[in-house]
Every structure is written in C-alpha cells, then in structure tokens.
Amino acid sequence: MSTAPAAAVEIHDVHKWYGAHRVLDGVNLTVRPGEVTVVLGPSGSGKSTLLRVVNHLEKPEIGHVSLGGELIGVRRHKGRLKELNERAILAQRSRIGFVFQNFNLFPHLTALDNVAAAPVATGRATKEEAAELARTLLDRVGLGERAGAYPRQLSGGQQQRVAIARALALRPEVVLFDEPTSALDPELVGEVLDVIKDLATSGTTLVVVTHEIGFAREVADRVVFLDGGRVLEQGPPSEVLDRPAHPRTRDFLLRVL
C-alpha cells in the first residue's frame, strides 16, 4: 500500500504576537509538493509574518511548521518543542528559498557572485561549481549577459530576478516570495512575474504573497485569503476569486480589482 508524500509545508495552529498585537491567530495551512499557493490579504493581515515563520526567521508562540515531515526550528523533547541551535536552523533554512520585497542583494558582489555565494558558504559546491550553477540560473532568469554587473548597475526588475536565481541556488524544496513585485516600478512587474510563472510550470513548490490578482488567477493551484492573522478562505482561484464565500474576501477583491 503506497502512502501519500509528506506535505512540502505544513503549518499547524500557528500563533504569533508582539505584546498585545496578535499577528497570526491559529493558522493552519498545508502546501503539497509541486503546488503553487498564492496568499492574498490586506496590509497588516499577517502574510509576511507567516512566510517568516515558515523558515523560522520568526518564532511562533504556539504551533509549529514542518517541511517534508520534519519540524522547522524545533525538535520534540520529552513531549515539548525545544529550539534547535542556530547551526541546525541555518541548515534547515537552506531547504527553503526566500525572495524578499527589497531584493537584499550584496551590493559589493556581482550578480554571479550573489547567486554563487550560498552554495560555496554551505559547502555544497566549489567556487568553480557554484559559478557554473550561477551562470545556468542567471540564464534561466534571462540575465546571463549581466553576470558581471553589480546590483547598482541593474534595474529593480533585474535585481529581483537575480534574487530569484539566488533563492534557487541551493535547490530548495520550496520557494517563498514575499510580495516580490511591490518594490518595482509598474513597467518592471511583468518581467519578474514571468520568471515566477516559469518556475510554477517547472513543478517547483511555491508560496507567493502578492497583490497581483491576475497572476494568482493564472498561476495558483490554490488561493489563500488571510485577514486578521486568520485564514478566512482557501481554494482554487476559480472559487476564491470568482465566487468568494466570505464577505471579507468579497470586500477585499472589490477594492483591488
């Protein structure tokens, strides 16, 4: 008897608060391998925090996250969850690609060296192997000819495409995108979304926080609507975007469409 593969990401009853401000309020979410999940919601709904909890940049007060069946950031010890040491957490994070809003490239490194840095630092590749991989990934995002350029010499869209290549360099099991086009001029949004669409068709597991409704409709396997730190609705784009069941989802879509 065959068993179903472990979920790529499983978020179980996650709560996160800062003082009296509750950012995540009992979030449960499962992302299957190869699935594209788009998370929508108003500003302040907890979307970015949710992504940061997945790779343990933020520690939940309650609940846990697992990747491929393995707990992230913690281990079970005598019936309780105990924090892993920083080295173990860093090793786990290498399984999770993260693309930030503001690129976060190293300004003193070329595009190629930005992409090659992590495989070398983690001992996954020699400098020569990492450089070859970086060239392949820059070609994939349409920037093979800009490998020697520094971030300041690249447009915002090009910088974000380098950031996507960098996120892929460790061959992660899932890639998280935190509003990857929000810092871009409108005319540069399309070039970044095209790269993400290409990743989606390749079977890469993606979780994308975005306000790009057209992108969600075209690419997502599932759309999740988050508000007030809670998942109010989730399902195929044809349901959530065209026939939303929750009044808050309907109100949000009326404002952004």
C-alpha atoms as a PDB file:
ATOM      1  CA  MET A   1       0.000   0.000   0.000  1.00  0.00           C
ATOM      2  CA  SER A   2       1.529   3.325  -1.077  1.00  0.00           C
ATOM      3  CA  THR A   3       1.470   6.339   1.185  1.00  0.00           C
ATOM      4  CA  ALA A   4       0.946   9.938   0.098  1.00  0.00           C
ATOM      5  CA  PRO A   5       4.115  12.049   0.023  1.00  0.00           C
ATOM      6  CA  ALA A   6       4.704  14.287   3.017  1.00  0.00           C
ATOM      7  CA  ALA A   7       3.394  17.795   2.556  1.00  0.00           C
ATOM      8  CA  ALA A   8       6.037  20.198   1.309  1.00  0.00           C
ATOM      9  CA  VAL A   9       4.990  22.639   4.040  1.00  0.00           C
ATOM     10  CA  GLU A  10       2.598  22.081   6.908  1.00  0.00           C
ATOM     11  CA  ILE A  11       1.659  24.980   9.180  1.00  0.00           C
ATOM     12  CA  HIS A  12      -0.111  23.726  12.286  1.00  0.00           C
ATOM     13  CA  ASP A  13      -2.084  26.034  14.612  1.00  0.00           C
ATOM     14  CA  VAL A  14       0.481  28.837  14.418  1.00  0.00           C
ATOM     15  CA  HIS A  15       0.050  31.861  16.677  1.00  0.00           C
ATOM     16  CA  LYS A  16       2.370  34.866  16.701  1.00  0.00           C
ATOM     17  CA  TRP A  17       2.021  38.048  18.692  1.00  0.00           C
ATOM     18  CA  TYR A  18       4.005  41.124  19.671  1.00  0.00           C
ATOM     19  CA  GLY A  19       2.830  42.319  23.065  1.00  0.00           C
ATOM     20  CA  ALA A  20      -0.919  42.728  22.803  1.00  0.00           C
ATOM     21  CA  HIS A  21      -0.861  42.661  18.991  1.00  0.00           C
ATOM     22  CA  ARG A  22      -1.791  39.240  17.631  1.00  0.00           C
ATOM     23  CA  VAL A  23      -0.302  38.889  14.143  1.00  0.00           C
ATOM     24  CA  LEU A  24      -1.136  35.233  13.455  1.00  0.00           C
ATOM     25  CA  ASP A  25      -4.130  33.670  15.154  1.00  0.00           C
ATOM     26  CA  GLY A  26      -4.253  29.912  14.744  1.00  0.00           C
ATOM     27  CA  VAL A  27      -3.144  29.483  11.132  1.00  0.00           C
ATOM     28  CA  ASN A  28      -3.436  26.010   9.620  1.00  0.00           C
ATOM     29  CA  LEU A  29      -2.211  25.516   6.072  1.00  0.00           C
ATOM     30  CA  THR A  30      -0.850  22.630   4.012  1.00  0.00           C
ATOM     31  CA  VAL A  31       1.161  23.109   0.804  1.00  0.00           C
ATOM     32  CA  ARG A  32       1.605  19.977  -1.303  1.00  0.00           C
ATOM     33  CA  PRO A  33       4.770  19.213  -3.285  1.00  0.00           C
ATOM     34  CA  GLY A  34       4.748  20.982  -6.642  1.00  0.00           C
ATOM     35  CA  GLU A  35       1.823  23.191  -5.659  1.00  0.00           C
ATOM     36  CA  VAL A  36       1.667  26.955  -6.200  1.00  0.00           C
ATOM     37  CA  THR A  37      -0.083  28.647  -3.285  1.00  0.00           C
ATOM     38  CA  VAL A  38      -0.845  32.364  -3.505  1.00  0.00           C
ATOM     39  CA  VAL A  39      -1.588  34.211  -0.249  1.00  0.00           C
ATOM     40  CA  LEU A  40      -3.761  37.310  -0.532  1.00  0.00           C
ATOM     41  CA  GLY A  41      -4.926  39.751   2.097  1.00  0.00           C
ATOM     42  CA  PRO A  42      -4.879  43.406   3.155  1.00  0.00           C
ATOM     43  CA  SER A  43      -1.794  45.092   4.554  1.00  0.00           C
ATOM     44  CA  GLY A  44      -1.209  44.032   8.148  1.00  0.00           C
ATOM     45  CA  SER A  45      -3.061  40.738   7.767  1.00  0.00           C
ATOM     46  CA  GLY A  46       0.000  38.672   8.723  1.00  0.00           C
ATOM     47  CA  LYS A  47       1.094  37.475   5.272  1.00  0.00           C
ATOM     48  CA  SER A  48       4.781  38.398   5.526  1.00  0.00           C
ATOM     49  CA  THR A  49       4.996  37.157   9.107  1.00  0.00           C
ATOM     50  CA  LEU A  50       3.541  33.838   8.007  1.00  0.00           C
ATOM     51  CA  LEU A  51       6.331  33.385   5.457  1.00  0.00           C
ATOM     52  CA  ARG A  52       8.967  34.335   8.015  1.00  0.00           C
ATOM     53  CA  VAL A  53       7.560  31.757  10.432  1.00  0.00           C
ATOM     54  CA  VAL A  54       7.897  29.057   7.755  1.00  0.00           C
ATOM     55  CA  ASN A  55      11.688  29.455   7.626  1.00  0.00           C
ATOM     56  CA  HIS A  56      11.946  30.344  11.338  1.00  0.00           C
ATOM     57  CA  LEU A  57      13.016  33.949  10.871  1.00  0.00           C
ATOM     58  CA  GLU A  58      10.109  34.489  13.274  1.00  0.00           C
ATOM     59  CA  LYS A  59       9.388  32.030  16.082  1.00  0.00           C
ATOM     60  CA  PRO A  60       5.733  31.195  16.712  1.00  0.00           C
ATOM     61  CA  GLU A  61       4.446  31.489  20.267  1.00  0.00           C
ATOM     62  CA  ILE A  62       2.192  28.476  19.691  1.00  0.00           C
ATOM     63  CA  GLY A  63       2.161  25.873  16.936  1.00  0.00           C
ATOM     64  CA  HIS A  64       4.787  24.571  14.574  1.00  0.00           C
ATOM     65  CA  VAL A  65       5.855  24.287  10.944  1.00  0.00           C
ATOM     66  CA  SER A  66       7.190  21.199   9.205  1.00  0.00           C
ATOM     67  CA  LEU A  67       8.924  20.755   5.865  1.00  0.00           C
ATOM     68  CA  GLY A  68       8.703  17.332   4.255  1.00  0.00           C
ATOM     69  CA  GLY A  69       7.557  15.972   7.610  1.00  0.00           C
ATOM     70  CA  GLU A  70      10.488  17.473   9.578  1.00  0.00           C
ATOM     71  CA  LEU A  71       9.846  20.140  12.202  1.00  0.00           C
ATOM     72  CA  ILE A  72      11.453  23.506  11.385  1.00  0.00           C
ATOM     73  CA  GLY A  73      13.409  25.326  14.078  1.00  0.00           C
ATOM     74  CA  VAL A  74      12.456  22.951  16.880  1.00  0.00           C
ATOM     75  CA  ARG A  75      12.523  19.307  17.929  1.00  0.00           C
ATOM     76  CA  ARG A  76      10.350  17.274  20.222  1.00  0.00           C
ATOM     77  CA  HIS A  77      11.929  16.631  23.629  1.00  0.00           C
ATOM     78  CA  LYS A  78      10.015  14.947  26.457  1.00  0.00           C
ATOM     79  CA  GLY A  79       6.693  15.918  24.956  1.00  0.00           C
ATOM     80  CA  ARG A  80       7.646  19.562  24.352  1.00  0.00           C
ATOM     81  CA  LEU A  81       9.115  21.545  21.478  1.00  0.00           C
ATOM     82  CA  LYS A  82      12.695  22.663  22.075  1.00  0.00           C
ATOM     83  CA  GLU A  83      14.517  25.277  19.968  1.00  0.00           C
ATOM     84  CA  LEU A  84      17.284  23.957  17.727  1.00  0.00           C
ATOM     85  CA  ASN A  85      20.703  25.571  17.771  1.00  0.00           C
ATOM     86  CA  GLU A  86      21.455  28.239  15.168  1.00  0.00           C
ATOM     87  CA  ARG A  87      23.600  25.937  13.046  1.00  0.00           C
ATOM     88  CA  ALA A  88      20.809  23.383  12.736  1.00  0.00           C
ATOM     89  CA  ILE A  89      18.292  26.108  11.902  1.00  0.00           C
ATOM     90  CA  LEU A  90      20.577  27.504   9.188  1.00  0.00           C
ATOM     91  CA  ALA A  91      20.872  24.017   7.696  1.00  0.00           C
ATOM     92  CA  GLN A  92      17.080  23.767   7.583  1.00  0.00           C
ATOM     93  CA  ARG A  93      16.754  27.215   6.035  1.00  0.00           C
ATOM     94  CA  SER A  94      18.939  26.076   3.152  1.00  0.00           C
ATOM     95  CA  ARG A  95      15.989  23.871   2.145  1.00  0.00           C
ATOM     96  CA  ILE A  96      13.728  26.919   1.851  1.00  0.00           C
ATOM     97  CA  GLY A  97      14.334  29.612  -0.755  1.00  0.00           C
ATOM     98  CA  PHE A  98      13.197  33.133   0.214  1.00  0.00           C
ATOM     99  CA  VAL A  99      12.709  36.080  -2.143  1.00  0.00           C
ATOM    100  CA  PHE A 100      12.250  39.372  -0.275  1.00  0.00           C
ATOM    101  CA  GLN A 101      10.411  42.543  -1.296  1.00  0.00           C
ATOM    102  CA  ASN A 102      13.582  44.623  -1.452  1.00  0.00           C
ATOM    103  CA  PHE A 103      15.976  42.170  -3.166  1.00  0.00           C
ATOM    104  CA  ASN A 104      18.563  42.099  -0.306  1.00  0.00           C
ATOM    105  CA  LEU A 105      21.459  41.541  -2.701  1.00  0.00           C
ATOM    106  CA  PHE A 106      25.027  42.057  -1.528  1.00  0.00           C
ATOM    107  CA  PRO A 107      25.931  45.438  -3.096  1.00  0.00           C
ATOM    108  CA  HIS A 108      29.664  44.638  -3.274  1.00  0.00           C
ATOM    109  CA  LEU A 109      29.151  41.383  -5.220  1.00  0.00           C
ATOM    110  CA  THR A 110      28.342  40.883  -8.898  1.00  0.00           C
ATOM    111  CA  ALA A 111      25.139  39.172  -9.948  1.00  0.00           C
ATOM    112  CA  LEU A 112      27.074  35.952 -10.468  1.00  0.00           C
ATOM    113  CA  ASP A 113      28.756  36.127  -7.066  1.00  0.00           C
ATOM    114  CA  ASN A 114      25.456  36.932  -5.326  1.00  0.00           C
ATOM    115  CA  VAL A 115      23.992  33.728  -6.745  1.00  0.00           C
ATOM    116  CA  ALA A 116      27.109  31.613  -6.133  1.00  0.00           C
ATOM    117  CA  ALA A 117      27.704  32.746  -2.536  1.00  0.00           C
ATOM    118  CA  ALA A 118      25.376  30.361  -0.689  1.00  0.00           C
ATOM    119  CA  PRO A 119      26.473  27.087  -2.341  1.00  0.00           C
ATOM    120  CA  VAL A 120      30.092  27.941  -1.504  1.00  0.00           C
ATOM    121  CA  ALA A 121      29.343  29.117   2.052  1.00  0.00           C
ATOM    122  CA  THR A 122      27.378  25.944   2.841  1.00  0.00           C
ATOM    123  CA  GLY A 123      29.998  23.656   1.342  1.00  0.00           C
ATOM    124  CA  ARG A 124      27.568  22.419  -1.302  1.00  0.00           C
ATOM    125  CA  ALA A 125      29.884  23.359  -4.176  1.00  0.00           C
ATOM    126  CA  THR A 126      33.389  24.533  -5.003  1.00  0.00           C
ATOM    127  CA  LYS A 127      33.801  28.086  -6.310  1.00  0.00           C
ATOM    128  CA  GLU A 128      34.022  26.741  -9.860  1.00  0.00           C
ATOM    129  CA  GLU A 129      30.912  24.566  -9.480  1.00  0.00           C
ATOM    130  CA  ALA A 130      28.981  27.396  -7.860  1.00  0.00           C
ATOM    131  CA  ALA A 131      29.969  29.818 -10.636  1.00  0.00           C
ATOM    132  CA  GLU A 132      28.777  27.346 -13.273  1.00  0.00           C
ATOM    133  CA  LEU A 133      25.488  26.853 -11.431  1.00  0.00           C
ATOM    134  CA  ALA A 134      25.095  30.633 -11.064  1.00  0.00           C
ATOM    135  CA  ARG A 135      25.554  31.134 -14.813  1.00  0.00           C
ATOM    136  CA  THR A 136      22.908  28.484 -15.505  1.00  0.00           C
ATOM    137  CA  LEU A 137      20.455  30.117 -13.096  1.00  0.00           C
ATOM    138  CA  LEU A 138      21.107  33.630 -14.429  1.00  0.00           C
ATOM    139  CA  ASP A 139      20.439  32.296 -17.926  1.00  0.00           C
ATOM    140  CA  ARG A 140      17.206  30.823 -16.625  1.00  0.00           C
ATOM    141  CA  VAL A 141      16.000  34.221 -15.373  1.00  0.00           C
ATOM    142  CA  GLY A 142      17.151  35.968 -18.553  1.00  0.00           C
ATOM    143  CA  LEU A 143      20.240  37.659 -17.151  1.00  0.00           C
ATOM    144  CA  GLY A 144      23.103  35.546 -18.472  1.00  0.00           C
ATOM    145  CA  GLU A 145      24.659  38.594 -20.128  1.00  0.00           C
ATOM    146  CA  ARG A 146      24.592  40.611 -16.874  1.00  0.00           C
ATOM    147  CA  ALA A 147      26.516  38.120 -14.727  1.00  0.00           C
ATOM    148  CA  GLY A 148      29.341  40.622 -14.114  1.00  0.00           C
ATOM    149  CA  ALA A 149      27.070  43.540 -13.208  1.00  0.00           C
ATOM    150  CA  TYR A 150      26.756  44.885  -9.679  1.00  0.00           C
ATOM    151  CA  PRO A 151      23.291  45.487  -8.154  1.00  0.00           C
ATOM    152  CA  ARG A 152      23.595  49.277  -8.608  1.00  0.00           C
ATOM    153  CA  GLN A 153      24.021  48.676 -12.357  1.00  0.00           C
ATOM    154  CA  LEU A 154      20.773  46.697 -12.607  1.00  0.00           C
ATOM    155  CA  SER A 155      17.157  47.803 -12.727  1.00  0.00           C
ATOM    156  CA  GLY A 156      14.835  46.811  -9.895  1.00  0.00           C
ATOM    157  CA  GLY A 157      13.336  44.060 -12.017  1.00  0.00           C
ATOM    158  CA  GLN A 158      16.767  42.717 -12.870  1.00  0.00           C
ATOM    159  CA  GLN A 159      17.829  42.806  -9.219  1.00  0.00           C
ATOM    160  CA  GLN A 160      14.751  40.841  -8.244  1.00  0.00           C
ATOM    161  CA  ARG A 161      15.452  38.265 -10.947  1.00  0.00           C
ATOM    162  CA  VAL A 162      18.987  37.872  -9.553  1.00  0.00           C
ATOM    163  CA  ALA A 163      17.400  37.406  -6.114  1.00  0.00           C
ATOM    164  CA  ILE A 164      15.199  34.634  -7.527  1.00  0.00           C
ATOM    165  CA  ALA A 165      18.232  32.934  -9.062  1.00  0.00           C
ATOM    166  CA  ARG A 166      19.980  33.208  -5.691  1.00  0.00           C
ATOM    167  CA  ALA A 167      16.996  31.614  -3.939  1.00  0.00           C
ATOM    168  CA  LEU A 168      17.221  28.657  -6.328  1.00  0.00           C
ATOM    169  CA  ALA A 169      20.971  28.148  -5.903  1.00  0.00           C
ATOM    170  CA  LEU A 170      20.657  25.684  -3.006  1.00  0.00           C
ATOM    171  CA  ARG A 171      17.978  23.673  -4.856  1.00  0.00           C
ATOM    172  CA  PRO A 172      15.351  24.348  -2.183  1.00  0.00           C
ATOM    173  CA  GLU A 173      12.315  22.169  -1.602  1.00  0.00           C
ATOM    174  CA  VAL A 174      10.053  25.216  -1.526  1.00  0.00           C
ATOM    175  CA  VAL A 175      10.494  28.870  -2.523  1.00  0.00           C
ATOM    176  CA  LEU A 176       8.740  31.660  -0.588  1.00  0.00           C
ATOM    177  CA  PHE A 177       8.057  35.007  -2.264  1.00  0.00           C
ATOM    178  CA  ASP A 178       7.204  37.988  -0.054  1.00  0.00           C
ATOM    179  CA  GLU A 179       5.459  40.479  -2.352  1.00  0.00           C
ATOM    180  CA  PRO A 180       8.247  40.164  -4.933  1.00  0.00           C
ATOM    181  CA  THR A 181       6.939  42.976  -7.154  1.00  0.00           C
ATOM    182  CA  SER A 182       5.858  45.534  -4.541  1.00  0.00           C
ATOM    183  CA  ALA A 183       9.141  47.499  -4.707  1.00  0.00           C
ATOM    184  CA  LEU A 184       9.165  47.647  -8.516  1.00  0.00           C
ATOM    185  CA  ASP A 185       8.046  50.307 -10.951  1.00  0.00           C
ATOM    186  CA  PRO A 186       4.861  49.111 -12.711  1.00  0.00           C
ATOM    187  CA  GLU A 187       6.603  48.534 -16.050  1.00  0.00           C
ATOM    188  CA  LEU A 188       9.068  46.119 -14.403  1.00  0.00           C
ATOM    189  CA  VAL A 189       6.488  43.920 -12.668  1.00  0.00           C
ATOM    190  CA  GLY A 190       5.819  41.715 -15.690  1.00  0.00           C
ATOM    191  CA  GLU A 191       9.416  40.554 -16.145  1.00  0.00           C
ATOM    192  CA  VAL A 192       9.545  39.255 -12.572  1.00  0.00           C
ATOM    193  CA  LEU A 193       6.120  37.607 -12.727  1.00  0.00           C
ATOM    194  CA  ASP A 194       7.158  35.860 -15.954  1.00  0.00           C
ATOM    195  CA  VAL A 195      10.113  34.257 -14.158  1.00  0.00           C
ATOM    196  CA  ILE A 196       7.839  33.073 -11.323  1.00  0.00           C
ATOM    197  CA  LYS A 197       5.360  31.691 -13.864  1.00  0.00           C
ATOM    198  CA  ASP A 198       8.194  29.736 -15.465  1.00  0.00           C
ATOM    199  CA  LEU A 199       9.109  28.282 -12.071  1.00  0.00           C
ATOM    200  CA  ALA A 200       5.478  27.351 -11.483  1.00  0.00           C
ATOM    201  CA  THR A 201       5.305  25.362 -14.713  1.00  0.00           C
ATOM    202  CA  SER A 202       8.527  23.520 -13.800  1.00  0.00           C
ATOM    203  CA  GLY A 203       6.932  21.879 -10.759  1.00  0.00           C
ATOM    204  CA  THR A 204       8.737  23.952  -8.116  1.00  0.00           C
ATOM    205  CA  THR A 205       6.752  24.276  -4.872  1.00  0.00           C
ATOM    206  CA  LEU A 206       5.961  27.967  -4.413  1.00  0.00           C
ATOM    207  CA  VAL A 207       4.242  30.080  -1.786  1.00  0.00           C
ATOM    208  CA  VAL A 208       3.696  33.602  -3.108  1.00  0.00           C
ATOM    209  CA  VAL A 209       2.423  36.573  -1.115  1.00  0.00           C
ATOM    210  CA  THR A 210       1.234  39.111  -3.676  1.00  0.00           C
ATOM    211  CA  HIS A 211      -1.413  41.667  -4.581  1.00  0.00           C
ATOM    212  CA  GLU A 212      -1.255  40.640  -8.249  1.00  0.00           C
ATOM    213  CA  ILE A 213      -4.718  39.137  -8.691  1.00  0.00           C
ATOM    214  CA  GLY A 214      -4.207  38.362 -12.377  1.00  0.00           C
ATOM    215  CA  PHE A 215      -1.094  36.383 -11.520  1.00  0.00           C
ATOM    216  CA  ALA A 216      -2.990  34.476  -8.830  1.00  0.00           C
ATOM    217  CA  ARG A 217      -5.777  33.643 -11.280  1.00  0.00           C
ATOM    218  CA  GLU A 218      -3.351  32.416 -13.928  1.00  0.00           C
ATOM    219  CA  VAL A 219      -0.739  30.528 -11.906  1.00  0.00           C
ATOM    220  CA  ALA A 220      -2.073  29.481  -8.493  1.00  0.00           C
ATOM    221  CA  ASP A 221      -3.253  25.985  -7.716  1.00  0.00           C
ATOM    222  CA  ARG A 222      -4.746  27.410  -4.549  1.00  0.00           C
ATOM    223  CA  VAL A 223      -5.504  30.876  -3.257  1.00  0.00           C
ATOM    224  CA  VAL A 224      -5.477  31.573   0.482  1.00  0.00           C
ATOM    225  CA  PHE A 225      -7.145  34.702   1.877  1.00  0.00           C
ATOM    226  CA  LEU A 226      -5.640  35.893   5.158  1.00  0.00           C
ATOM    227  CA  ASP A 227      -7.096  38.647   7.311  1.00  0.00           C
ATOM    228  CA  GLY A 228      -6.524  39.496  10.955  1.00  0.00           C
ATOM    229  CA  GLY A 229      -3.984  36.699  11.180  1.00  0.00           C
ATOM    230  CA  ARG A 230      -6.549  34.058  10.225  1.00  0.00           C
ATOM    231  CA  VAL A 231      -7.165  32.026   7.085  1.00  0.00           C
ATOM    232  CA  LEU A 232     -10.710  33.072   6.213  1.00  0.00           C
ATOM    233  CA  GLU A 233     -10.935  31.232   2.925  1.00  0.00           C
ATOM    234  CA  GLN A 234      -8.914  28.989   0.631  1.00  0.00           C
ATOM    235  CA  GLY A 235      -9.492  27.049  -2.540  1.00  0.00           C
ATOM    236  CA  PRO A 236      -8.920  27.071  -6.309  1.00  0.00           C
ATOM    237  CA  PRO A 237      -8.655  30.539  -7.902  1.00  0.00           C
ATOM    238  CA  SER A 238     -11.956  29.950  -9.729  1.00  0.00           C
ATOM    239  CA  GLU A 239     -13.693  29.675  -6.361  1.00  0.00           C
ATOM    240  CA  VAL A 240     -11.901  32.192  -4.130  1.00  0.00           C
ATOM    241  CA  LEU A 241     -11.506  34.913  -6.769  1.00  0.00           C
ATOM    242  CA  ASP A 242     -14.727  34.454  -8.723  1.00  0.00           C
ATOM    243  CA  ARG A 243     -17.123  33.114  -6.078  1.00  0.00           C
ATOM    244  CA  PRO A 244     -15.702  34.080  -2.674  1.00  0.00           C
ATOM    245  CA  ALA A 245     -17.699  32.656   0.206  1.00  0.00           C
ATOM    246  CA  HIS A 246     -16.531  35.010   2.965  1.00  0.00           C
ATOM    247  CA  PRO A 247     -17.813  38.616   2.961  1.00  0.00           C
ATOM    248  CA  ARG A 248     -14.358  39.915   3.930  1.00  0.00           C
ATOM    249  CA  THR A 249     -12.847  38.243   0.851  1.00  0.00           C
ATOM    250  CA  ARG A 250     -15.533  39.773  -1.351  1.00  0.00           C
ATOM    251  CA  ASP A 251     -14.884  43.224   0.114  1.00  0.00           C
ATOM    252  CA  PHE A 252     -11.111  42.889  -0.411  1.00  0.00           C
ATOM    253  CA  LEU A 253     -11.483  41.795  -4.025  1.00  0.00           C
ATOM    254  CA  LEU A 254     -13.899  44.639  -4.787  1.00  0.00           C
ATOM    255  CA  ARG A 255     -11.250  47.072  -3.572  1.00  0.00           C
ATOM    256  CA  VAL A 256      -8.304  45.614  -5.504  1.00  0.00           C
ATOM    257  CA  LEU A 257      -9.894  44.506  -8.785  1.00  0.00           C
END
